[in-house]
C-alpha atoms as a PDB file:
ATOM      1  CA  MET A   1       0.000   0.000   0.000  1.00  0.00           C
ATOM      2  CA  LYS A   2       1.234   3.481  -0.866  1.00  0.00           C
ATOM      3  CA  ARG A   3       2.147   5.820   1.962  1.00  0.00           C
ATOM      4  CA  ILE A   4       1.157   9.485   1.856  1.00  0.00           C
ATOM      5  CA  ARG A   5       3.659  12.209   2.672  1.00  0.00           C
ATOM      6  CA  ILE A   6       2.640  15.805   3.293  1.00  0.00           C
ATOM      7  CA  GLU A   7       5.043  18.532   2.288  1.00  0.00           C
ATOM      8  CA  PRO A   8       4.617  22.325   2.565  1.00  0.00           C
ATOM      9  CA  ALA A   9       4.337  24.256  -0.706  1.00  0.00           C
ATOM     10  CA  TRP A  10       4.681  27.986  -1.274  1.00  0.00           C
ATOM     11  CA  SER A  11       2.513  30.206  -3.434  1.00  0.00           C
ATOM     12  CA  PHE A  12       3.014  33.962  -3.819  1.00  0.00           C
ATOM     13  CA  THR A  13       0.197  36.415  -4.589  1.00  0.00           C
ATOM     14  CA  ASP A  14       0.628  40.162  -4.927  1.00  0.00           C
ATOM     15  CA  GLU A  15      -1.911  42.883  -4.114  1.00  0.00           C
ATOM     16  CA  ALA A  16      -3.274  42.774  -7.663  1.00  0.00           C
ATOM     17  CA  GLY A  17      -4.027  39.072  -7.406  1.00  0.00           C
ATOM     18  CA  ASN A  18      -1.141  37.935  -9.633  1.00  0.00           C
ATOM     19  CA  ARG A  19       0.115  34.549  -8.518  1.00  0.00           C
ATOM     20  CA  LEU A  20       3.390  32.722  -8.961  1.00  0.00           C
ATOM     21  CA  ASP A  21       3.851  29.045  -8.277  1.00  0.00           C
ATOM     22  CA  PRO A  22       7.338  28.756  -6.731  1.00  0.00           C
ATOM     23  CA  GLN A  23       9.018  26.394  -9.173  1.00  0.00           C
ATOM     24  CA  LEU A  24      12.455  27.857  -8.685  1.00  0.00           C
ATOM     25  CA  PHE A  25      13.352  26.932  -5.092  1.00  0.00           C
ATOM     26  CA  GLY A  26      15.342  24.010  -6.440  1.00  0.00           C
ATOM     27  CA  LEU A  27      17.104  26.448  -8.753  1.00  0.00           C
ATOM     28  CA  LEU A  28      17.941  28.795  -5.890  1.00  0.00           C
ATOM     29  CA  GLN A  29      19.230  25.864  -3.828  1.00  0.00           C
ATOM     30  CA  GLY A  30      21.463  24.789  -6.708  1.00  0.00           C
ATOM     31  CA  ILE A  31      22.878  28.289  -7.161  1.00  0.00           C
ATOM     32  CA  HIS A  32      23.535  28.544  -3.423  1.00  0.00           C
ATOM     33  CA  ARG A  33      25.341  25.190  -3.483  1.00  0.00           C
ATOM     34  CA  SER A  34      27.369  25.461  -6.715  1.00  0.00           C
ATOM     35  CA  GLY A  35      27.527  29.161  -7.531  1.00  0.00           C
ATOM     36  CA  LYS A  36      26.793  28.331 -11.186  1.00  0.00           C
ATOM     37  CA  LEU A  37      23.508  28.790 -13.021  1.00  0.00           C
ATOM     38  CA  THR A  38      24.336  26.048 -15.542  1.00  0.00           C
ATOM     39  CA  GLU A  39      24.832  23.443 -12.806  1.00  0.00           C
ATOM     40  CA  ALA A  40      21.795  24.652 -10.882  1.00  0.00           C
ATOM     41  CA  ALA A  41      19.599  24.382 -13.984  1.00  0.00           C
ATOM     42  CA  ALA A  42      20.838  20.854 -14.644  1.00  0.00           C
ATOM     43  CA  GLU A  43      20.112  19.848 -11.019  1.00  0.00           C
ATOM     44  CA  ALA A  44      16.598  21.304 -11.320  1.00  0.00           C
ATOM     45  CA  GLY A  45      16.020  19.398 -14.582  1.00  0.00           C
ATOM     46  CA  ILE A  46      15.429  22.501 -16.703  1.00  0.00           C
ATOM     47  CA  SER A  47      17.324  24.202 -19.522  1.00  0.00           C
ATOM     48  CA  TYR A  48      19.631  27.141 -18.961  1.00  0.00           C
ATOM     49  CA  ARG A  49      17.262  29.354 -20.951  1.00  0.00           C
ATOM     50  CA  HIS A  50      14.248  28.302 -18.875  1.00  0.00           C
ATOM     51  CA  ALA A  51      16.205  28.913 -15.680  1.00  0.00           C
ATOM     52  CA  TRP A  52      17.143  32.394 -16.851  1.00  0.00           C
ATOM     53  CA  ASN A  53      13.518  33.137 -17.775  1.00  0.00           C
ATOM     54  CA  LEU A  54      12.354  31.953 -14.347  1.00  0.00           C
ATOM     55  CA  LEU A  55      14.777  34.259 -12.588  1.00  0.00           C
ATOM     56  CA  ASN A  56      13.662  37.229 -14.687  1.00  0.00           C
ATOM     57  CA  LYS A  57       9.981  36.419 -14.130  1.00  0.00           C
ATOM     58  CA  TRP A  58      10.440  36.293 -10.371  1.00  0.00           C
ATOM     59  CA  ALA A  59      12.545  39.453 -10.389  1.00  0.00           C
ATOM     60  CA  ASP A  60       9.691  41.251 -12.144  1.00  0.00           C
ATOM     61  CA  PHE A  61       7.195  39.864  -9.629  1.00  0.00           C
ATOM     62  CA  PHE A  62       9.151  40.980  -6.552  1.00  0.00           C
ATOM     63  CA  GLY A  63      10.667  44.086  -8.082  1.00  0.00           C
ATOM     64  CA  ALA A  64      14.154  42.946  -7.126  1.00  0.00           C
ATOM     65  CA  ALA A  65      16.686  40.439  -8.432  1.00  0.00           C
ATOM     66  CA  LEU A  66      16.979  37.031  -6.803  1.00  0.00           C
ATOM     67  CA  VAL A  67      20.398  36.218  -8.265  1.00  0.00           C
ATOM     68  CA  GLU A  68      23.458  38.331  -8.937  1.00  0.00           C
ATOM     69  CA  MET A  69      25.462  37.293 -12.011  1.00  0.00           C
ATOM     70  CA  GLN A  70      29.179  38.021 -11.747  1.00  0.00           C
ATOM     71  CA  LYS A  71      31.257  37.937 -14.896  1.00  0.00           C
ATOM     72  CA  GLY A  72      33.886  35.258 -14.607  1.00  0.00           C
ATOM     73  CA  ARG A  73      32.727  34.334 -11.098  1.00  0.00           C
ATOM     74  CA  GLY A  74      29.419  32.579 -11.721  1.00  0.00           C
ATOM     75  CA  ALA A  75      26.248  33.428  -9.817  1.00  0.00           C
ATOM     76  CA  ARG A  76      25.239  34.031  -6.229  1.00  0.00           C
ATOM     77  CA  LEU A  77      21.953  34.687  -4.494  1.00  0.00           C
ATOM     78  CA  SER A  78      20.951  38.282  -3.865  1.00  0.00           C
ATOM     79  CA  PRO A  79      19.876  39.248  -0.330  1.00  0.00           C
ATOM     80  CA  LEU A  80      16.245  38.631  -1.381  1.00  0.00           C
ATOM     81  CA  GLY A  81      17.030  35.270  -2.983  1.00  0.00           C
ATOM     82  CA  ASP A  82      18.984  34.213   0.082  1.00  0.00           C
ATOM     83  CA  LYS A  83      16.139  35.262   2.381  1.00  0.00           C
ATOM     84  CA  LEU A  84      13.562  33.331   0.314  1.00  0.00           C
ATOM     85  CA  LEU A  85      15.640  30.162   0.294  1.00  0.00           C
ATOM     86  CA  TRP A  86      16.311  30.186   4.024  1.00  0.00           C
ATOM     87  CA  ALA A  87      12.722  31.119   4.831  1.00  0.00           C
ATOM     88  CA  ARG A  88      11.628  27.984   2.992  1.00  0.00           C
ATOM     89  CA  GLN A  89      14.195  25.899   4.845  1.00  0.00           C
ATOM     90  CA  ARG A  90      13.018  27.261   8.200  1.00  0.00           C
ATOM     91  CA  VAL A  91       9.334  26.653   7.441  1.00  0.00           C
ATOM     92  CA  ALA A  92      10.012  23.067   6.332  1.00  0.00           C
ATOM     93  CA  ALA A  93      12.096  22.423   9.457  1.00  0.00           C
ATOM     94  CA  ARG A  94       9.516  23.976  11.771  1.00  0.00           C
ATOM     95  CA  LEU A  95       6.440  22.268  10.284  1.00  0.00           C
ATOM     96  CA  GLY A  96       8.042  18.909   9.495  1.00  0.00           C
ATOM     97  CA  PRO A  97       7.057  17.055  12.685  1.00  0.00           C
ATOM     98  CA  GLN A  98       3.440  18.286  12.566  1.00  0.00           C
ATOM     99  CA  LEU A  99       3.079  17.291   8.917  1.00  0.00           C
ATOM    100  CA  GLU A 100       4.620  13.878   9.590  1.00  0.00           C
ATOM    101  CA  SER A 101       2.139  13.335  12.430  1.00  0.00           C
ATOM    102  CA  LEU A 102      -0.786  14.324  10.198  1.00  0.00           C
ATOM    103  CA  GLY A 103       0.487  12.042   7.433  1.00  0.00           C
ATOM    104  CA  SER A 104       0.643   9.183   9.919  1.00  0.00           C
ATOM    105  CA  GLU A 105      -3.006   9.752  10.856  1.00  0.00           C
ATOM    106  CA  LEU A 106      -4.102   9.798   7.199  1.00  0.00           C
ATOM    107  CA  ASN A 107      -2.158   6.633   6.375  1.00  0.00           C
ATOM    108  CA  LEU A 108      -3.764   4.880   9.328  1.00  0.00           C
ATOM    109  CA  GLU A 109      -7.248   5.885   8.170  1.00  0.00           C
ATOM    110  CA  LEU A 110      -6.516   4.623   4.654  1.00  0.00           C
ATOM    111  CA  GLN A 111      -5.131   1.349   5.974  1.00  0.00           C
ATOM    112  CA  GLN A 112      -8.271   0.724   8.000  1.00  0.00           C
ATOM    113  CA  LEU A 113     -10.402   0.971   4.848  1.00  0.00           C
ATOM    114  CA  PHE A 114      -8.842  -2.199   3.466  1.00  0.00           C
ATOM    115  CA  GLU A 115      -9.411  -5.823   4.405  1.00  0.00           C
ATOM    116  CA  GLY A 116      -6.779  -7.613   6.411  1.00  0.00           C
ATOM    117  CA  VAL A 117      -5.920  -4.615   8.527  1.00  0.00           C
ATOM    118  CA  GLU A 118      -2.457  -4.947  10.064  1.00  0.00           C
ATOM    119  CA  PRO A 119      -1.937  -4.452  13.803  1.00  0.00           C
ATOM    120  CA  VAL A 120      -1.575  -0.797  14.770  1.00  0.00           C
ATOM    121  CA  LEU A 121       1.183   0.502  17.027  1.00  0.00           C
ATOM    122  CA  ARG A 122       0.522   3.959  18.487  1.00  0.00           C
ATOM    123  CA  VAL A 123       3.782   5.753  19.250  1.00  0.00           C
ATOM    124  CA  HIS A 124       3.928   9.178  20.895  1.00  0.00           C
ATOM    125  CA  ALA A 125       7.479  10.468  20.948  1.00  0.00           C
ATOM    126  CA  SER A 126       9.783  13.422  21.117  1.00  0.00           C
ATOM    127  CA  HIS A 127      10.883  14.302  17.586  1.00  0.00           C
ATOM    128  CA  GLY A 128      14.322  13.170  16.489  1.00  0.00           C
ATOM    129  CA  TYR A 129      16.251  11.984  13.438  1.00  0.00           C
ATOM    130  CA  ALA A 130      16.298   8.321  14.495  1.00  0.00           C
ATOM    131  CA  VAL A 131      12.595   8.251  15.404  1.00  0.00           C
ATOM    132  CA  ALA A 132      11.830   9.746  12.004  1.00  0.00           C
ATOM    133  CA  LEU A 133      13.349   6.606  10.439  1.00  0.00           C
ATOM    134  CA  LEU A 134      10.693   4.315  11.943  1.00  0.00           C
ATOM    135  CA  PRO A 135       7.971   4.769   9.272  1.00  0.00           C
ATOM    136  CA  ARG A 136      10.470   3.896   6.539  1.00  0.00           C
ATOM    137  CA  PHE A 137      11.233   0.496   8.079  1.00  0.00           C
ATOM    138  CA  ALA A 138       7.813  -0.422   9.518  1.00  0.00           C
ATOM    139  CA  SER A 139       6.390  -3.552   7.915  1.00  0.00           C
ATOM    140  CA  ASP A 140       3.702  -6.059   8.878  1.00  0.00           C
ATOM    141  CA  PHE A 141       2.227  -3.476  11.237  1.00  0.00           C
ATOM    142  CA  GLN A 142       0.748  -0.015  10.909  1.00  0.00           C
ATOM    143  CA  LEU A 143       2.695   2.709  12.700  1.00  0.00           C
ATOM    144  CA  ASP A 144       0.755   5.672  14.058  1.00  0.00           C
ATOM    145  CA  LEU A 145       3.579   8.064  14.988  1.00  0.00           C
ATOM    146  CA  GLN A 146       2.668  11.305  16.758  1.00  0.00           C
ATOM    147  CA  TYR A 147       5.290  13.848  17.808  1.00  0.00           C
ATOM    148  CA  CYS A 148       5.027  15.646  21.147  1.00  0.00           C
ATOM    149  CA  SER A 149       7.186  16.623  24.114  1.00  0.00           C
ATOM    150  CA  PRO A 150       8.701  13.841  26.285  1.00  0.00           C
ATOM    151  CA  GLN A 151       6.375  14.719  29.163  1.00  0.00           C
ATOM    152  CA  GLU A 152       3.335  14.608  26.877  1.00  0.00           C
ATOM    153  CA  ALA A 153       4.426  11.248  25.456  1.00  0.00           C
ATOM    154  CA  LEU A 154       4.775   9.670  28.900  1.00  0.00           C
ATOM    155  CA  ALA A 155       1.463  11.156  30.018  1.00  0.00           C
ATOM    156  CA  ALA A 156      -0.212   9.670  26.931  1.00  0.00           C
ATOM    157  CA  LEU A 157       1.201   6.242  27.779  1.00  0.00           C
ATOM    158  CA  ASN A 158      -0.085   6.454  31.341  1.00  0.00           C
ATOM    159  CA  ARG A 159      -3.621   7.325  30.267  1.00  0.00           C
ATOM    160  CA  GLY A 160      -3.688   4.655  27.547  1.00  0.00           C
ATOM    161  CA  ALA A 161      -3.584   7.045  24.577  1.00  0.00           C
ATOM    162  CA  CYS A 162      -0.533   5.317  23.064  1.00  0.00           C
ATOM    163  CA  ASP A 163       1.266   1.971  23.184  1.00  0.00           C
ATOM    164  CA  VAL A 164       4.857   3.243  23.202  1.00  0.00           C
ATOM    165  CA  ALA A 165       6.297   6.560  24.404  1.00  0.00           C
ATOM    166  CA  GLY A 166       9.647   8.003  23.347  1.00  0.00           C
ATOM    167  CA  TYR A 167      11.730  10.342  25.489  1.00  0.00           C
ATOM    168  CA  HIS A 168      15.385  11.144  26.139  1.00  0.00           C
ATOM    169  CA  MET A 169      17.558  11.607  29.210  1.00  0.00           C
ATOM    170  CA  PRO A 170      21.257  12.403  29.824  1.00  0.00           C
ATOM    171  CA  THR A 171      23.672   9.486  30.014  1.00  0.00           C
ATOM    172  CA  SER A 172      25.255  10.788  33.218  1.00  0.00           C
ATOM    173  CA  ALA A 173      23.560  11.032  36.594  1.00  0.00           C
ATOM    174  CA  THR A 174      21.561  14.237  37.013  1.00  0.00           C
ATOM    175  CA  ARG A 175      19.324  15.804  39.589  1.00  0.00           C
ATOM    176  CA  GLY A 176      16.608  18.385  39.349  1.00  0.00           C
ATOM    177  CA  PRO A 177      13.186  18.769  37.732  1.00  0.00           C
ATOM    178  CA  LEU A 178      13.933  16.679  34.620  1.00  0.00           C
ATOM    179  CA  MET A 179      14.795  13.433  36.409  1.00  0.00           C
ATOM    180  CA  GLN A 180      12.208  14.036  39.106  1.00  0.00           C
ATOM    181  CA  GLY A 181       9.559  14.371  36.430  1.00  0.00           C
ATOM    182  CA  TYR A 182      10.619  11.122  34.763  1.00  0.00           C
ATOM    183  CA  ARG A 183      10.609   9.282  38.087  1.00  0.00           C
ATOM    184  CA  ARG A 184       7.033  10.430  38.697  1.00  0.00           C
ATOM    185  CA  GLN A 185       5.818   9.260  35.294  1.00  0.00           C
ATOM    186  CA  LEU A 186       7.719   5.977  34.954  1.00  0.00           C
ATOM    187  CA  ARG A 187       6.171   3.121  36.927  1.00  0.00           C
ATOM    188  CA  PRO A 188       8.615   0.316  37.800  1.00  0.00           C
ATOM    189  CA  ARG A 189       5.869  -2.292  38.339  1.00  0.00           C
ATOM    190  CA  SER A 190       4.019  -1.761  35.091  1.00  0.00           C
ATOM    191  CA  HIS A 191       6.488  -0.164  32.636  1.00  0.00           C
ATOM    192  CA  CYS A 192       9.532  -1.521  30.868  1.00  0.00           C
ATOM    193  CA  ILE A 193      12.236   0.312  28.926  1.00  0.00           C
ATOM    194  CA  ILE A 194      13.242  -0.410  25.333  1.00  0.00           C
ATOM    195  CA  ARG A 195      16.700   1.009  24.645  1.00  0.00           C
ATOM    196  CA  PHE A 196      16.784   2.849  21.339  1.00  0.00           C
ATOM    197  CA  ILE A 197      19.755   5.078  20.502  1.00  0.00           C
ATOM    198  CA  THR A 198      22.389   7.333  22.022  1.00  0.00           C
ATOM    199  CA  ARG A 199      22.991  10.751  20.485  1.00  0.00           C
ATOM    200  CA  SER A 200      25.319  13.707  20.862  1.00  0.00           C
ATOM    201  CA  GLN A 201      24.004  17.148  21.819  1.00  0.00           C
ATOM    202  CA  GLY A 202      25.996  20.349  21.748  1.00  0.00           C
ATOM    203  CA  LEU A 203      26.412  23.807  20.271  1.00  0.00           C
ATOM    204  CA  MET A 204      25.686  24.388  16.598  1.00  0.00           C
ATOM    205  CA  VAL A 205      27.635  27.362  15.236  1.00  0.00           C
ATOM    206  CA  ARG A 206      27.964  29.064  11.879  1.00  0.00           C
ATOM    207  CA  PRO A 207      30.422  27.547   9.366  1.00  0.00           C
ATOM    208  CA  GLY A 208      33.986  28.264  10.349  1.00  0.00           C
ATOM    209  CA  ASN A 209      32.825  29.392  13.796  1.00  0.00           C
ATOM    210  CA  PRO A 210      33.493  33.091  13.034  1.00  0.00           C
ATOM    211  CA  LYS A 211      32.674  34.188  16.601  1.00  0.00           C
ATOM    212  CA  GLY A 212      35.212  31.754  18.072  1.00  0.00           C
ATOM    213  CA  ILE A 213      32.650  30.090  20.349  1.00  0.00           C
ATOM    214  CA  ALA A 214      34.335  27.421  22.458  1.00  0.00           C
ATOM    215  CA  GLY A 215      31.584  26.436  24.904  1.00  0.00           C
ATOM    216  CA  LEU A 216      28.689  27.530  27.075  1.00  0.00           C
ATOM    217  CA  ALA A 217      30.788  30.219  28.769  1.00  0.00           C
ATOM    218  CA  ASP A 218      30.758  32.191  25.511  1.00  0.00           C
ATOM    219  CA  LEU A 219      26.947  32.393  25.285  1.00  0.00           C
ATOM    220  CA  PRO A 220      26.591  35.480  27.561  1.00  0.00           C
ATOM    221  CA  ARG A 221      28.942  37.490  25.306  1.00  0.00           C
ATOM    222  CA  GLY A 222      27.303  40.591  23.910  1.00  0.00           C
ATOM    223  CA  ASP A 223      28.378  39.825  20.339  1.00  0.00           C
ATOM    224  CA  VAL A 224      26.847  36.306  20.309  1.00  0.00           C
ATOM    225  CA  ARG A 225      23.216  35.733  19.292  1.00  0.00           C
ATOM    226  CA  PHE A 226      21.582  32.553  20.610  1.00  0.00           C
ATOM    227  CA  ILE A 227      18.508  30.648  19.350  1.00  0.00           C
ATOM    228  CA  ASN A 228      16.776  28.362  21.851  1.00  0.00           C
ATOM    229  CA  ARG A 229      14.419  25.381  21.911  1.00  0.00           C
ATOM    230  CA  GLN A 230      10.940  25.631  23.446  1.00  0.00           C
ATOM    231  CA  LYS A 231      10.570  25.132  27.195  1.00  0.00           C
ATOM    232  CA  ALA A 232       8.686  21.808  26.989  1.00  0.00           C
ATOM    233  CA  SER A 233      11.368  20.061  24.930  1.00  0.00           C
ATOM    234  CA  GLY A 234      13.809  17.575  26.397  1.00  0.00           C
ATOM    235  CA  THR A 235      16.649  19.373  24.635  1.00  0.00           C
ATOM    236  CA  ARG A 236      15.782  22.597  26.461  1.00  0.00           C
ATOM    237  CA  ALA A 237      15.720  20.677  29.754  1.00  0.00           C
ATOM    238  CA  LEU A 238      19.188  19.273  29.021  1.00  0.00           C
ATOM    239  CA  LEU A 239      20.515  22.737  28.209  1.00  0.00           C
ATOM    240  CA  ASP A 240      19.087  24.091  31.457  1.00  0.00           C
ATOM    241  CA  ILE A 241      20.945  21.337  33.337  1.00  0.00           C
ATOM    242  CA  LEU A 242      24.237  22.132  31.609  1.00  0.00           C
ATOM    243  CA  LEU A 243      23.878  25.857  32.269  1.00  0.00           C
ATOM    244  CA  ARG A 244      23.056  25.195  35.930  1.00  0.00           C
ATOM    245  CA  ASP A 245      26.045  22.900  36.344  1.00  0.00           C
ATOM    246  CA  ALA A 246      28.282  25.528  34.710  1.00  0.00           C
ATOM    247  CA  GLY A 247      26.963  28.257  36.997  1.00  0.00           C
ATOM    248  CA  LEU A 248      25.634  30.335  34.078  1.00  0.00           C
ATOM    249  CA  SER A 249      22.465  32.437  34.167  1.00  0.00           C
ATOM    250  CA  SER A 250      20.176  32.115  31.158  1.00  0.00           C
ATOM    251  CA  GLN A 251      19.075  35.725  31.693  1.00  0.00           C
ATOM    252  CA  ARG A 252      22.513  36.891  30.576  1.00  0.00           C
ATOM    253  CA  ILE A 253      22.358  35.032  27.225  1.00  0.00           C
ATOM    254  CA  PRO A 254      21.255  37.276  24.307  1.00  0.00           C
ATOM    255  CA  GLY A 255      18.430  35.580  22.396  1.00  0.00           C
ATOM    256  CA  PHE A 256      17.657  32.966  25.058  1.00  0.00           C
ATOM    257  CA  GLU A 257      13.979  33.951  24.902  1.00  0.00           C
ATOM    258  CA  LEU A 258      13.773  33.188  21.142  1.00  0.00           C
ATOM    259  CA  GLU A 259      12.500  29.653  20.522  1.00  0.00           C
ATOM    260  CA  GLU A 260      12.225  27.135  17.695  1.00  0.00           C
ATOM    261  CA  TYR A 261      10.471  23.765  17.872  1.00  0.00           C
ATOM    262  CA  THR A 262      12.843  21.281  16.237  1.00  0.00           C
ATOM    263  CA  HIS A 263      16.582  20.652  16.005  1.00  0.00           C
ATOM    264  CA  SER A 264      16.487  21.310  12.265  1.00  0.00           C
ATOM    265  CA  ALA A 265      14.592  24.584  12.762  1.00  0.00           C
ATOM    266  CA  VAL A 266      17.320  25.801  15.139  1.00  0.00           C
ATOM    267  CA  ALA A 267      19.990  24.780  12.625  1.00  0.00           C
ATOM    268  CA  ALA A 268      18.149  26.497   9.752  1.00  0.00           C
ATOM    269  CA  TYR A 269      17.834  29.669  11.844  1.00  0.00           C
ATOM    270  CA  ILE A 270      21.610  29.742  12.336  1.00  0.00           C
ATOM    271  CA  ALA A 271      22.356  28.836   8.722  1.00  0.00           C
ATOM    272  CA  ALA A 272      20.201  31.772   7.606  1.00  0.00           C
ATOM    273  CA  GLY A 273      22.488  34.098   9.582  1.00  0.00           C
ATOM    274  CA  MET A 274      19.793  35.050  12.104  1.00  0.00           C
ATOM    275  CA  ALA A 275      21.765  33.661  15.060  1.00  0.00           C
ATOM    276  CA  ASP A 276      25.337  32.640  15.781  1.00  0.00           C
ATOM    277  CA  VAL A 277      24.749  29.593  17.960  1.00  0.00           C
ATOM    278  CA  GLY A 278      22.073  27.171  19.146  1.00  0.00           C
ATOM    279  CA  PHE A 279      21.849  23.935  21.088  1.00  0.00           C
ATOM    280  CA  GLY A 280      20.848  20.634  19.482  1.00  0.00           C
ATOM    281  CA  VAL A 281      21.948  17.355  17.924  1.00  0.00           C
ATOM    282  CA  GLU A 282      24.947  16.908  15.660  1.00  0.00           C
ATOM    283  CA  ALA A 283      22.782  15.528  12.838  1.00  0.00           C
ATOM    284  CA  ALA A 284      20.958  18.865  12.526  1.00  0.00           C
ATOM    285  CA  ALA A 285      24.243  20.772  12.363  1.00  0.00           C
ATOM    286  CA  HIS A 286      25.473  18.429   9.642  1.00  0.00           C
ATOM    287  CA  GLN A 287      22.222  18.790   7.669  1.00  0.00           C
ATOM    288  CA  PHE A 288      22.674  22.563   7.382  1.00  0.00           C
ATOM    289  CA  GLY A 289      26.451  22.672   7.027  1.00  0.00           C
ATOM    290  CA  LEU A 290      27.136  24.033  10.508  1.00  0.00           C
ATOM    291  CA  ALA A 291      30.054  23.381  12.825  1.00  0.00           C
ATOM    292  CA  PHE A 292      29.315  21.386  15.980  1.00  0.00           C
ATOM    293  CA  LEU A 293      30.784  21.460  19.480  1.00  0.00           C
ATOM    294  CA  PRO A 294      29.720  18.334  21.442  1.00  0.00           C
ATOM    295  CA  LEU A 295      28.757  18.890  25.069  1.00  0.00           C
ATOM    296  CA  ALA A 296      26.665  15.909  26.220  1.00  0.00           C
ATOM    297  CA  GLN A 297      25.497  12.420  25.373  1.00  0.00           C
ATOM    298  CA  GLU A 298      21.928  11.303  25.995  1.00  0.00           C
ATOM    299  CA  HIS A 299      19.895   8.135  25.648  1.00  0.00           C
ATOM    300  CA  TYR A 300      16.737   8.139  23.575  1.00  0.00           C
ATOM    301  CA  LEU A 301      14.459   5.515  25.141  1.00  0.00           C
ATOM    302  CA  LEU A 302      11.127   3.895  24.381  1.00  0.00           C
ATOM    303  CA  VAL A 303       8.687   2.907  27.128  1.00  0.00           C
ATOM    304  CA  CYS A 304       5.733   0.551  27.053  1.00  0.00           C
ATOM    305  CA  GLN A 305       3.558  -1.427  29.438  1.00  0.00           C
ATOM    306  CA  ARG A 306       5.103  -4.782  30.402  1.00  0.00           C
ATOM    307  CA  ARG A 307       2.063  -6.616  29.111  1.00  0.00           C
ATOM    308  CA  SER A 308       2.483  -4.923  25.715  1.00  0.00           C
ATOM    309  CA  LEU A 309       5.670  -6.902  25.039  1.00  0.00           C
ATOM    310  CA  ALA A 310       3.413  -9.790  24.035  1.00  0.00           C
ATOM    311  CA  ASP A 311       1.489  -7.695  21.473  1.00  0.00           C
ATOM    312  CA  PRO A 312       2.268  -8.520  17.817  1.00  0.00           C
ATOM    313  CA  SER A 313       2.890  -4.874  16.920  1.00  0.00           C
ATOM    314  CA  VAL A 314       5.421  -4.384  19.745  1.00  0.00           C
ATOM    315  CA  LYS A 315       7.171  -7.637  18.823  1.00  0.00           C
ATOM    316  CA  ARG A 316       7.464  -6.418  15.240  1.00  0.00           C
ATOM    317  CA  LEU A 317       8.788  -3.054  16.418  1.00  0.00           C
ATOM    318  CA  LEU A 318      11.521  -4.829  18.379  1.00  0.00           C
ATOM    319  CA  GLU A 319      12.405  -6.990  15.398  1.00  0.00           C
ATOM    320  CA  MET A 320      12.580  -3.906  13.206  1.00  0.00           C
ATOM    321  CA  ILE A 321      14.864  -1.793  15.413  1.00  0.00           C
ATOM    322  CA  ARG A 322      17.147  -4.781  16.009  1.00  0.00           C
ATOM    323  CA  SER A 323      17.477  -5.463  12.278  1.00  0.00           C
ATOM    324  CA  GLU A 324      20.740  -4.758  10.459  1.00  0.00           C
ATOM    325  CA  PRO A 325      19.172  -2.316   7.926  1.00  0.00           C
ATOM    326  CA  PHE A 326      17.736  -0.145  10.699  1.00  0.00           C
ATOM    327  CA  LEU A 327      20.934  -0.246  12.771  1.00  0.00           C
ATOM    328  CA  GLN A 328      22.912   0.755   9.689  1.00  0.00           C
ATOM    329  CA  ALA A 329      20.565   3.671   8.976  1.00  0.00           C
ATOM    330  CA  VAL A 330      20.982   4.981  12.533  1.00  0.00           C
ATOM    331  CA  SER A 331      24.765   4.595  12.338  1.00  0.00           C
ATOM    332  CA  GLU A 332      24.800   6.847   9.281  1.00  0.00           C
ATOM    333  CA  LEU A 333      23.250   9.730  11.260  1.00  0.00           C
ATOM    334  CA  PRO A 334      26.039  12.049  12.501  1.00  0.00           C
ATOM    335  CA  GLY A 335      26.327  11.861  16.278  1.00  0.00           C
ATOM    336  CA  TYR A 336      23.981   8.865  16.621  1.00  0.00           C
ATOM    337  CA  SER A 337      24.804   5.383  17.919  1.00  0.00           C
ATOM    338  CA  PRO A 338      22.437   2.356  17.955  1.00  0.00           C
ATOM    339  CA  ASN A 339      24.307   0.772  20.857  1.00  0.00           C
ATOM    340  CA  ARG A 340      22.048  -1.768  22.675  1.00  0.00           C
ATOM    341  CA  CYS A 341      19.154  -0.824  20.374  1.00  0.00           C
ATOM    342  CA  GLY A 342      16.137  -3.051  21.079  1.00  0.00           C
ATOM    343  CA  GLU A 343      17.366  -4.255  24.469  1.00  0.00           C
ATOM    344  CA  VAL A 344      14.593  -4.429  27.087  1.00  0.00           C
ATOM    345  CA  CYS A 345      15.256  -3.554  30.723  1.00  0.00           C
ATOM    346  CA  SER A 346      13.361  -2.537  33.856  1.00  0.00           C
ATOM    347  CA  VAL A 347      12.767   1.039  35.012  1.00  0.00           C
ATOM    348  CA  ASP A 348      14.710   0.345  38.222  1.00  0.00           C
ATOM    349  CA  LYS A 349      17.732  -0.882  36.279  1.00  0.00           C
ATOM    350  CA  LEU A 350      17.675   2.233  34.128  1.00  0.00           C
ATOM    351  CA  PHE A 351      17.748   4.579  37.109  1.00  0.00           C
ATOM    352  CA  ASP A 352      20.355   2.432  38.884  1.00  0.00           C
ATOM    353  CA  GLU A 353      22.632   2.791  35.852  1.00  0.00           C
ATOM    354  CA  ALA A 354      22.014   6.567  35.743  1.00  0.00           C
ATOM    355  CA  GLY A 355      22.832   6.862  39.420  1.00  0.00           C
ATOM    356  CA  ASN A 356      26.105   4.975  38.996  1.00  0.00           C
ATOM    357  CA  ALA A 357      27.184   6.864  35.878  1.00  0.00           C
END
């Protein structure tokens, strides 16, 4: 059965009602990457002449050029072209998890219209690059994947709104609200832990690190602009822990109040030149060509009811994440490790290990 994907599309309309369908974002991306209109046109699958006509048409629409042609030096995006390209990147990064969740709901509805409906596994999880791989490898069961904060995922599991919850916690022993909250929501007698992946979190900085940022101590500098994650995210909770342990006040960090909702959205914000540094996973930095300064390792874990281990859909999930193709896909994500992926352990053992770390 075909799977539906939902992707955002842009359409521009001026005050007179004239409309342009944005066919040239691929062209702009190619020019940004190669600096040559000929190569960008070939990547977009159009002729050089058509590419040139597109650029002129859009320049007329906006009243400003999108590309600057330099004799003997190729082409580069104008300030407007650069802004359009990065605005698209930011929107896609920001809306991606919501659109993936909606697509999951639609695919589930379509599946249920057919005979021989496969078992459904409802997963509520914090968004991440490894979790996003799950729909690609799911087979012999229908995956209903909904993205939410770690606290929301665990709350959904406890009220029976999902079968598996995904959240993340630091690899080293920590104290404070984050671990206290997990201890309140995880129930040793009824829950069990499915180990998933380990990932690296740290500072994402602009290519070449022009501000010379070496660590958290540089964030309060007046010449450094920071972009944050939202308060409910596990990544924000980890950053708060690191700042507390370093004796740094978030109130002294310029831009700390500005928030984005995914790792990729933070990376896109920095890549667009709107901030100098953000906190997130290495994979996001790599995706947008940013430099990365690792600061912490954390486990991404799955939780389910003990009795659910006997369910066909959970058994198939375990088979899937233990399979060589899935492990290889995780290993290819920068900063990700599938160490002990698919191993089942008790809640008590998990906290014992954290306490001894």
